[in-house]
Amino acid sequence: METVQELIPLAKEMMAQKPNGKMVKLYVLGSVLAFFGVMIGLVETVCSPFSAISRLREADAAAATSQAARLHESRRREAPSEKSKEQEALGGRSLSHRQHAS
């Protein structure tokens, strides 16, 4: 069936052959499932631009989070080097590791 116009002659032909109840129920079930498939496809087509936008926002947020984490990590790595520079300025020894009181 390529077009909807073929559906009415098909239904008339089926009714002329006097199908049993099981065949009518099966045909109606198939028609209902096909209708729901078409409706789901239509809803998906209409809503897909909105879901694409939300996926882009999520990707941007994830990128920003990872960039912030890298920045934080690089700052954390720089902090010990600044402390070591201060220790060198004090004479190269750590005040917390003194062996005896002076």
N, C-alpha and C. Protein backbone atom coordinates (compact mmCIF):
# COMPACT_ATOMS: atom_id res chain seq x y z
N MET A 1 0.84 -1.18 0.00
CA MET A 1 0.00 0.00 0.00
C MET A 1 0.89 1.24 0.00
N GLU A 2 0.89 1.92 -1.10
CA GLU A 2 1.74 3.09 -1.22
C GLU A 2 1.04 4.37 -0.78
N THR A 3 -0.26 4.42 -0.88
CA THR A 3 -0.98 5.64 -0.51
C THR A 3 -2.16 5.30 0.38
N VAL A 4 -2.70 6.32 1.00
CA VAL A 4 -3.84 6.13 1.87
C VAL A 4 -5.10 5.84 1.06
N GLN A 5 -5.14 6.29 -0.20
CA GLN A 5 -6.33 6.06 -1.02
C GLN A 5 -6.55 4.58 -1.29
N GLU A 6 -5.51 3.77 -1.20
CA GLU A 6 -5.65 2.33 -1.40
C GLU A 6 -6.25 1.63 -0.18
N LEU A 7 -6.26 2.32 0.95
CA LEU A 7 -6.74 1.71 2.18
C LEU A 7 -8.23 1.42 2.15
N ILE A 8 -9.04 2.32 1.64
CA ILE A 8 -10.50 2.13 1.62
C ILE A 8 -10.90 0.99 0.69
N PRO A 9 -10.38 0.89 -0.54
CA PRO A 9 -10.72 -0.27 -1.36
C PRO A 9 -10.27 -1.59 -0.74
N LEU A 10 -9.13 -1.56 -0.06
CA LEU A 10 -8.66 -2.78 0.61
C LEU A 10 -9.63 -3.21 1.70
N ALA A 11 -10.09 -2.24 2.50
CA ALA A 11 -11.04 -2.56 3.56
C ALA A 11 -12.35 -3.09 2.98
N LYS A 12 -12.81 -2.51 1.88
CA LYS A 12 -14.04 -3.00 1.24
C LYS A 12 -13.85 -4.42 0.73
N GLU A 13 -12.71 -4.69 0.13
CA GLU A 13 -12.43 -6.04 -0.38
C GLU A 13 -12.37 -7.06 0.74
N MET A 14 -11.75 -6.66 1.87
CA MET A 14 -11.67 -7.57 3.01
C MET A 14 -13.07 -7.89 3.54
N MET A 15 -13.92 -6.88 3.64
CA MET A 15 -15.26 -7.10 4.16
C MET A 15 -16.10 -7.93 3.18
N ALA A 16 -15.85 -7.82 1.89
CA ALA A 16 -16.57 -8.61 0.89
C ALA A 16 -16.23 -10.09 1.01
N GLN A 17 -15.01 -10.41 1.47
CA GLN A 17 -14.60 -11.80 1.61
C GLN A 17 -15.12 -12.42 2.91
N LYS A 18 -15.74 -11.65 3.75
CA LYS A 18 -16.28 -12.09 5.02
C LYS A 18 -15.23 -12.81 5.88
N PRO A 19 -14.24 -12.06 6.39
CA PRO A 19 -13.20 -12.68 7.21
C PRO A 19 -13.75 -13.07 8.58
N ASN A 20 -13.09 -14.02 9.20
CA ASN A 20 -13.53 -14.40 10.54
C ASN A 20 -13.09 -13.34 11.55
N GLY A 21 -13.57 -13.45 12.75
CA GLY A 21 -13.35 -12.44 13.79
C GLY A 21 -11.89 -12.29 14.15
N LYS A 22 -11.13 -13.39 14.14
CA LYS A 22 -9.72 -13.32 14.52
C LYS A 22 -8.93 -12.49 13.51
N MET A 23 -9.24 -12.65 12.22
CA MET A 23 -8.51 -11.90 11.21
C MET A 23 -8.82 -10.40 11.32
N VAL A 24 -10.06 -10.05 11.61
CA VAL A 24 -10.42 -8.64 11.76
C VAL A 24 -9.70 -8.04 12.96
N LYS A 25 -9.66 -8.78 14.06
CA LYS A 25 -8.96 -8.30 15.26
C LYS A 25 -7.47 -8.12 14.98
N LEU A 26 -6.88 -9.05 14.26
CA LEU A 26 -5.47 -8.96 13.93
C LEU A 26 -5.19 -7.75 13.03
N TYR A 27 -6.05 -7.53 12.06
CA TYR A 27 -5.89 -6.39 11.16
C TYR A 27 -6.04 -5.07 11.91
N VAL A 28 -7.02 -5.00 12.81
CA VAL A 28 -7.23 -3.78 13.60
C VAL A 28 -6.03 -3.54 14.51
N LEU A 29 -5.52 -4.61 15.12
CA LEU A 29 -4.34 -4.47 15.99
C LEU A 29 -3.14 -3.94 15.19
N GLY A 30 -2.92 -4.49 14.01
CA GLY A 30 -1.83 -4.02 13.17
C GLY A 30 -2.00 -2.57 12.76
N SER A 31 -3.21 -2.19 12.45
CA SER A 31 -3.48 -0.80 12.06
C SER A 31 -3.24 0.15 13.22
N VAL A 32 -3.66 -0.25 14.41
CA VAL A 32 -3.46 0.60 15.58
C VAL A 32 -1.97 0.75 15.89
N LEU A 33 -1.22 -0.35 15.81
CA LEU A 33 0.22 -0.27 16.06
C LEU A 33 0.92 0.61 15.01
N ALA A 34 0.50 0.48 13.76
CA ALA A 34 1.08 1.32 12.71
C ALA A 34 0.76 2.80 12.97
N PHE A 35 -0.45 3.08 13.40
CA PHE A 35 -0.84 4.45 13.71
C PHE A 35 0.01 5.02 14.85
N PHE A 36 0.20 4.22 15.91
CA PHE A 36 1.03 4.68 17.02
C PHE A 36 2.48 4.89 16.58
N GLY A 37 2.97 4.05 15.69
CA GLY A 37 4.33 4.24 15.17
C GLY A 37 4.47 5.54 14.42
N VAL A 38 3.46 5.85 13.62
CA VAL A 38 3.48 7.12 12.88
C VAL A 38 3.44 8.29 13.85
N MET A 39 2.61 8.22 14.86
CA MET A 39 2.48 9.32 15.82
C MET A 39 3.79 9.50 16.62
N ILE A 40 4.40 8.41 17.02
CA ILE A 40 5.67 8.51 17.76
C ILE A 40 6.74 9.12 16.87
N GLY A 41 6.78 8.72 15.61
CA GLY A 41 7.74 9.31 14.68
C GLY A 41 7.51 10.79 14.49
N LEU A 42 6.26 11.20 14.43
CA LEU A 42 5.93 12.61 14.28
C LEU A 42 6.36 13.41 15.51
N VAL A 43 6.07 12.89 16.69
CA VAL A 43 6.46 13.57 17.92
C VAL A 43 7.99 13.67 18.00
N GLU A 44 8.67 12.60 17.64
CA GLU A 44 10.14 12.62 17.68
C GLU A 44 10.69 13.66 16.71
N THR A 45 10.11 13.75 15.53
CA THR A 45 10.56 14.73 14.54
C THR A 45 10.33 16.16 15.03
N VAL A 46 9.21 16.39 15.66
CA VAL A 46 8.90 17.74 16.14
C VAL A 46 9.79 18.12 17.31
N CYS A 47 10.07 17.18 18.21
CA CYS A 47 10.82 17.48 19.42
C CYS A 47 12.33 17.36 19.26
N SER A 48 12.83 16.83 18.16
CA SER A 48 14.27 16.62 18.02
C SER A 48 15.09 17.90 18.06
N PRO A 49 14.64 19.02 17.53
CA PRO A 49 15.47 20.23 17.66
C PRO A 49 15.67 20.65 19.11
N PHE A 50 14.66 20.47 19.95
CA PHE A 50 14.78 20.84 21.35
C PHE A 50 15.74 19.93 22.09
N SER A 51 15.71 18.64 21.78
CA SER A 51 16.62 17.71 22.45
C SER A 51 18.05 17.94 21.98
N ALA A 52 18.24 18.35 20.73
CA ALA A 52 19.59 18.65 20.24
C ALA A 52 20.17 19.85 20.97
N ILE A 53 19.34 20.84 21.22
CA ILE A 53 19.80 22.03 21.94
C ILE A 53 20.20 21.66 23.36
N SER A 54 19.41 20.82 24.01
CA SER A 54 19.75 20.44 25.39
C SER A 54 21.02 19.61 25.42
N ARG A 55 21.25 18.76 24.40
CA ARG A 55 22.49 17.98 24.35
C ARG A 55 23.69 18.91 24.18
N LEU A 56 23.54 19.96 23.37
CA LEU A 56 24.63 20.91 23.20
C LEU A 56 24.92 21.65 24.50
N ARG A 57 23.88 22.02 25.21
CA ARG A 57 24.08 22.70 26.50
C ARG A 57 24.79 21.78 27.49
N GLU A 58 24.41 20.50 27.52
CA GLU A 58 25.07 19.55 28.42
C GLU A 58 26.53 19.37 28.04
N ALA A 59 26.83 19.33 26.76
CA ALA A 59 28.22 19.18 26.32
C ALA A 59 29.04 20.41 26.69
N ASP A 60 28.46 21.60 26.54
CA ASP A 60 29.16 22.83 26.91
C ASP A 60 29.41 22.87 28.41
N ALA A 61 28.43 22.45 29.19
CA ALA A 61 28.60 22.43 30.65
C ALA A 61 29.68 21.44 31.05
N ALA A 62 29.73 20.29 30.41
CA ALA A 62 30.75 19.30 30.72
C ALA A 62 32.13 19.82 30.35
N ALA A 63 32.24 20.50 29.23
CA ALA A 63 33.52 21.07 28.81
C ALA A 63 33.98 22.15 29.79
N ALA A 64 33.05 22.98 30.23
CA ALA A 64 33.40 24.04 31.18
C ALA A 64 33.84 23.45 32.51
N THR A 65 33.18 22.38 32.93
CA THR A 65 33.54 21.73 34.19
C THR A 65 34.94 21.13 34.11
N SER A 66 35.23 20.45 33.01
CA SER A 66 36.55 19.84 32.87
C SER A 66 37.63 20.91 32.76
N GLN A 67 37.33 22.02 32.10
CA GLN A 67 38.30 23.11 31.98
C GLN A 67 38.56 23.72 33.36
N ALA A 68 37.52 23.90 34.15
CA ALA A 68 37.68 24.45 35.50
C ALA A 68 38.50 23.49 36.37
N ALA A 69 38.27 22.19 36.20
CA ALA A 69 39.04 21.21 36.97
C ALA A 69 40.52 21.26 36.59
N ARG A 70 40.80 21.39 35.29
CA ARG A 70 42.21 21.49 34.85
C ARG A 70 42.86 22.75 35.40
N LEU A 71 42.14 23.85 35.39
CA LEU A 71 42.66 25.11 35.91
C LEU A 71 42.96 24.99 37.40
N HIS A 72 42.04 24.37 38.13
CA HIS A 72 42.23 24.18 39.57
C HIS A 72 43.45 23.29 39.83
N GLU A 73 43.60 22.25 39.03
CA GLU A 73 44.73 21.33 39.20
C GLU A 73 46.05 22.05 38.90
N SER A 74 46.07 22.87 37.86
CA SER A 74 47.32 23.58 37.54
C SER A 74 47.66 24.59 38.63
N ARG A 75 46.66 25.24 39.20
CA ARG A 75 46.92 26.18 40.30
C ARG A 75 47.42 25.44 41.53
N ARG A 76 46.87 24.26 41.75
CA ARG A 76 47.29 23.47 42.91
C ARG A 76 48.74 23.00 42.74
N ARG A 77 49.13 22.72 41.52
CA ARG A 77 50.51 22.30 41.27
C ARG A 77 51.47 23.47 41.43
N GLU A 78 51.03 24.68 41.11
CA GLU A 78 51.89 25.85 41.24
C GLU A 78 52.09 26.24 42.70
N ALA A 79 51.14 25.96 43.56
CA ALA A 79 51.22 26.36 44.97
C ALA A 79 52.42 25.75 45.68
N PRO A 80 52.74 24.47 45.56
CA PRO A 80 53.93 23.94 46.24
C PRO A 80 55.23 24.56 45.74
N SER A 81 55.30 24.91 44.47
CA SER A 81 56.53 25.52 43.97
C SER A 81 56.74 26.90 44.60
N GLU A 82 55.67 27.62 44.89
CA GLU A 82 55.80 28.91 45.56
C GLU A 82 56.28 28.72 46.99
N LYS A 83 55.80 27.66 47.65
CA LYS A 83 56.25 27.38 49.01
C LYS A 83 57.73 27.02 49.03
N SER A 84 58.17 26.27 48.03
CA SER A 84 59.58 25.89 47.99
C SER A 84 60.46 27.11 47.76
N LYS A 85 59.96 28.10 47.00
CA LYS A 85 60.72 29.33 46.78
C LYS A 85 60.86 30.08 48.10
N GLU A 86 59.81 30.08 48.93
CA GLU A 86 59.87 30.76 50.23
C GLU A 86 60.86 30.06 51.14
N GLN A 87 60.91 28.73 51.07
CA GLN A 87 61.84 27.98 51.91
C GLN A 87 63.28 28.26 51.51
N GLU A 88 63.52 28.38 50.19
CA GLU A 88 64.87 28.71 49.73
C GLU A 88 65.28 30.09 50.23
N ALA A 89 64.33 30.99 50.29
CA ALA A 89 64.63 32.33 50.77
C ALA A 89 64.95 32.31 52.26
N LEU A 90 64.42 31.36 53.01
CA LEU A 90 64.68 31.25 54.45
C LEU A 90 65.99 30.53 54.74
N GLY A 91 66.63 30.05 53.76
CA GLY A 91 67.90 29.39 54.01
C GLY A 91 67.89 27.94 53.58
N GLY A 92 66.88 27.50 52.94
CA GLY A 92 66.86 26.16 52.39
C GLY A 92 66.49 25.07 53.38
N ARG A 93 66.08 25.40 54.57
CA ARG A 93 65.71 24.36 55.51
C ARG A 93 64.26 24.53 55.95
N SER A 94 63.68 23.46 56.28
CA SER A 94 62.31 23.49 56.71
C SER A 94 62.26 23.68 58.20
N LEU A 95 61.47 24.61 58.64
CA LEU A 95 61.39 24.91 60.07
C LEU A 95 60.65 23.82 60.84
N SER A 96 59.83 23.06 60.16
CA SER A 96 59.05 22.03 60.87
C SER A 96 59.84 20.75 61.06
N HIS A 97 61.05 20.60 60.46
CA HIS A 97 61.81 19.36 60.56
C HIS A 97 63.11 19.56 61.35
N ARG A 98 63.07 20.39 62.32
CA ARG A 98 64.27 20.63 63.10
C ARG A 98 64.51 19.44 64.02
N GLN A 99 65.74 19.02 64.13
CA GLN A 99 66.09 17.85 64.90
C GLN A 99 66.22 18.15 66.41
N HIS A 100 66.62 19.32 66.71
CA HIS A 100 66.80 19.66 68.12
C HIS A 100 66.43 21.11 68.34
N ALA A 101 66.19 21.45 69.56
CA ALA A 101 65.83 22.82 69.87
C ALA A 101 67.11 23.65 69.93
N SER A 102 67.02 24.86 69.52
CA SER A 102 68.23 25.69 69.56
C SER A 102 68.06 26.88 70.44
